[in-house]
Amino acid sequence: MSKLILQYQYDASFFNTKPNQIRDDFGRLSVAAETDRFSGKGGFWVQWQDVKEFGEALETYPIQEDHPVIVQWGFDMQQGDDLILRLEIAPADKRGNLAVRFEIADDYEPRHRVRGSFLTNYPDLTAFRVGIAQLMNREVEKAILSGQ
C-alpha cells in the first residue's frame, strides 16, 4: 500500500492573541511518502494559507490532464536543488485513477531527494482533502492520502 502523509506545525507566534503581537504565517510542513519501492520524508517552512489552498484545489472534479493539481515549495526559483517539496495529482487513466507524483528533498542537503509516484482514486483524494482541512484546523495530526 502506498501513501502520502502531511503534517503541519504552526509557528508559535500564530497563536498570538494580542493586537500588537506579530503573527507569523509560516510553519513547518512535513511530508512523507511511501510506495512499494521508494520512501522518503522531509519538510520545509511554508505559509499555512498555501497548504489550505492546496487542499481546496483537490476538490476539482474531474482533474484535467492539462491542469493537474500541483504545489511546490523551495528556495529561489524552485528548480534543481532549490526545489524542496513538490506534489502533483493528475489523471492516470480513463478509469478514473489518479497519479500522485512527489519529490521530497532534504532542506539542509537538497541533493538528497526522492521522487516517486503511486495511484489513488477520487474517494481517497476526497478523504485526503478533508484530512488537510482538519489538519489545518488542528483537529488531526496527519492528513493521509492512501493509494496502491
Protein backbone atom coordinates (compact mmCIF):
# COMPACT_ATOMS: atom_id res chain seq x y z
CA MET A 1 0.00 0.00 0.00
CA SER A 2 1.27 3.46 -0.88
CA LYS A 3 0.61 6.66 0.99
CA LEU A 4 1.42 10.33 1.25
CA ILE A 5 1.38 11.89 4.72
CA LEU A 6 1.26 15.60 5.53
CA GLN A 7 1.83 17.16 8.94
CA TYR A 8 1.89 20.86 9.78
CA GLN A 9 3.38 22.63 12.78
CA TYR A 10 2.28 26.24 13.10
CA ASP A 11 4.86 28.75 14.29
CA ALA A 12 4.22 29.56 17.96
CA SER A 13 3.51 33.19 17.03
CA PHE A 14 0.45 32.02 15.05
CA PHE A 15 -1.36 31.77 18.36
CA ASN A 16 -0.61 35.35 19.45
CA THR A 17 -3.88 36.92 20.53
CA LYS A 18 -2.84 40.45 21.37
CA PRO A 19 -3.26 43.03 18.59
CA ASN A 20 0.28 44.41 18.90
CA GLN A 21 1.97 41.00 18.62
CA ILE A 22 3.29 39.88 15.25
CA ARG A 23 1.82 36.66 13.87
CA ASP A 24 3.99 34.56 11.55
CA ASP A 25 2.11 32.86 8.70
CA PHE A 26 4.90 30.32 8.18
CA GLY A 27 5.03 26.89 9.77
CA ARG A 28 6.78 23.58 9.14
CA LEU A 29 5.14 21.27 6.59
CA SER A 30 6.41 17.72 6.90
CA VAL A 31 5.84 15.32 4.02
CA ALA A 32 6.38 11.58 3.99
CA ALA A 33 5.75 9.30 1.02
CA GLU A 34 5.82 5.51 0.84
CA THR A 35 5.46 3.20 -2.12
CA ASP A 36 6.39 -0.44 -2.56
CA ARG A 37 9.77 0.64 -3.98
CA PHE A 38 10.55 4.10 -2.57
CA SER A 39 10.05 6.10 0.56
CA GLY A 40 11.20 9.46 1.76
CA LYS A 41 10.41 12.22 4.15
CA GLY A 42 11.30 15.86 4.50
CA GLY A 43 9.85 19.24 5.19
CA PHE A 44 10.00 22.93 4.56
CA TRP A 45 8.78 26.21 6.04
CA VAL A 46 5.60 27.19 4.18
CA GLN A 47 2.69 29.55 4.66
CA TRP A 48 -0.34 27.84 6.16
CA GLN A 49 -2.53 29.52 3.54
CA ASP A 50 -0.68 27.63 0.78
CA VAL A 51 -1.39 24.27 2.41
CA LYS A 52 -5.05 25.19 2.87
CA GLU A 53 -5.32 26.30 -0.78
CA PHE A 54 -3.70 23.04 -1.93
CA GLY A 55 -6.35 21.10 -0.03
CA GLU A 56 -9.12 23.20 -1.52
CA ALA A 57 -7.73 22.67 -5.04
CA LEU A 58 -8.18 18.92 -4.56
CA GLU A 59 -11.94 19.48 -4.73
CA THR A 60 -11.62 19.82 -8.52
CA TYR A 61 -13.54 17.10 -10.33
CA PRO A 62 -12.54 15.80 -12.65
CA ILE A 63 -8.92 16.83 -12.59
CA GLN A 64 -7.89 17.58 -16.15
CA GLU A 65 -4.76 16.14 -17.74
CA ASP A 66 -3.71 19.61 -18.90
CA HIS A 67 -4.46 21.15 -15.47
CA PRO A 68 -3.09 18.82 -12.77
CA VAL A 69 -3.15 19.97 -9.16
CA ILE A 70 0.44 20.95 -8.36
CA VAL A 71 2.04 22.54 -5.34
CA GLN A 72 5.72 23.09 -4.67
CA TRP A 73 8.00 24.89 -2.25
CA GLY A 74 11.68 25.63 -2.11
CA PHE A 75 14.34 28.26 -2.42
CA ASP A 76 14.69 30.95 -5.08
CA MET A 77 13.41 29.64 -8.44
CA GLN A 78 12.33 26.23 -7.04
CA GLN A 79 14.27 24.36 -9.72
CA GLY A 80 17.03 21.78 -9.41
CA ASP A 81 18.37 21.60 -5.87
CA ASP A 82 16.31 24.67 -4.92
CA LEU A 83 13.11 22.60 -5.18
CA ILE A 84 12.44 21.01 -1.80
CA LEU A 85 8.83 19.75 -1.95
CA ARG A 86 6.61 19.08 -4.95
CA LEU A 87 3.28 17.27 -5.09
CA GLU A 88 1.22 16.63 -8.20
CA ILE A 89 -2.14 14.95 -8.69
CA ALA A 90 -3.09 14.16 -12.30
CA PRO A 91 -5.31 11.72 -14.21
CA ALA A 92 -3.62 8.34 -14.68
CA ASP A 93 -6.08 6.60 -16.99
CA LYS A 94 -9.63 6.67 -18.35
CA ARG A 95 -10.97 4.56 -15.46
CA GLY A 96 -10.67 7.45 -13.00
CA ASN A 97 -7.41 6.51 -11.35
CA LEU A 98 -5.15 9.38 -10.37
CA ALA A 99 -1.35 9.58 -10.41
CA VAL A 100 0.22 11.02 -7.28
CA ARG A 101 3.73 12.26 -8.03
CA PHE A 102 6.04 13.51 -5.32
CA GLU A 103 9.50 14.95 -4.95
CA ILE A 104 10.95 15.42 -1.49
CA ALA A 105 14.41 16.81 -0.78
CA ASP A 106 16.27 17.34 2.46
CA ASP A 107 16.14 21.09 3.01
CA TYR A 108 19.64 21.04 4.58
CA GLU A 109 21.19 18.74 1.96
CA PRO A 110 18.98 19.31 -1.11
CA ARG A 111 20.92 16.92 -3.31
CA HIS A 112 19.47 14.15 -1.15
CA ARG A 113 16.00 13.64 -2.58
CA VAL A 114 13.42 11.06 -3.54
CA ARG A 115 10.99 11.11 -6.45
CA GLY A 116 8.21 8.66 -6.96
CA SER A 117 4.59 8.09 -7.78
CA PHE A 118 1.64 5.89 -7.00
CA LEU A 119 -2.02 5.55 -7.96
CA THR A 120 -5.03 6.68 -5.99
CA ASN A 121 -8.70 7.39 -6.69
CA TYR A 122 -11.23 10.15 -6.15
CA PRO A 123 -12.75 8.74 -2.92
CA ASP A 124 -9.30 8.55 -1.32
CA LEU A 125 -8.47 12.02 -2.67
CA THR A 126 -11.67 13.37 -1.09
CA ALA A 127 -10.70 11.86 2.25
CA PHE A 128 -7.25 13.46 1.90
CA ARG A 129 -8.80 16.85 1.11
CA VAL A 130 -10.96 16.61 4.24
CA GLY A 131 -7.89 15.48 6.18
CA ILE A 132 -5.93 18.55 5.06
CA ALA A 133 -8.76 20.83 6.21
CA GLN A 134 -8.80 19.06 9.58
CA LEU A 135 -5.00 19.25 9.79
CA MET A 136 -5.01 22.98 9.20
CA ASN A 137 -7.78 23.39 11.80
CA ARG A 138 -5.60 21.40 14.25
CA GLU A 139 -8.26 18.68 14.56
CA VAL A 140 -5.91 15.88 13.44
CA GLU A 141 -2.14 15.42 13.45
CA LYS A 142 -1.83 13.97 9.94
CA ALA A 143 -3.55 14.07 6.58
CA ILE A 144 -3.06 10.79 4.70
CA LEU A 145 -3.60 10.03 1.02
CA SER A 146 -3.86 6.28 0.50
CA GLY A 147 -3.06 4.58 -2.77
CA GLN A 148 -1.81 1.45 -4.43
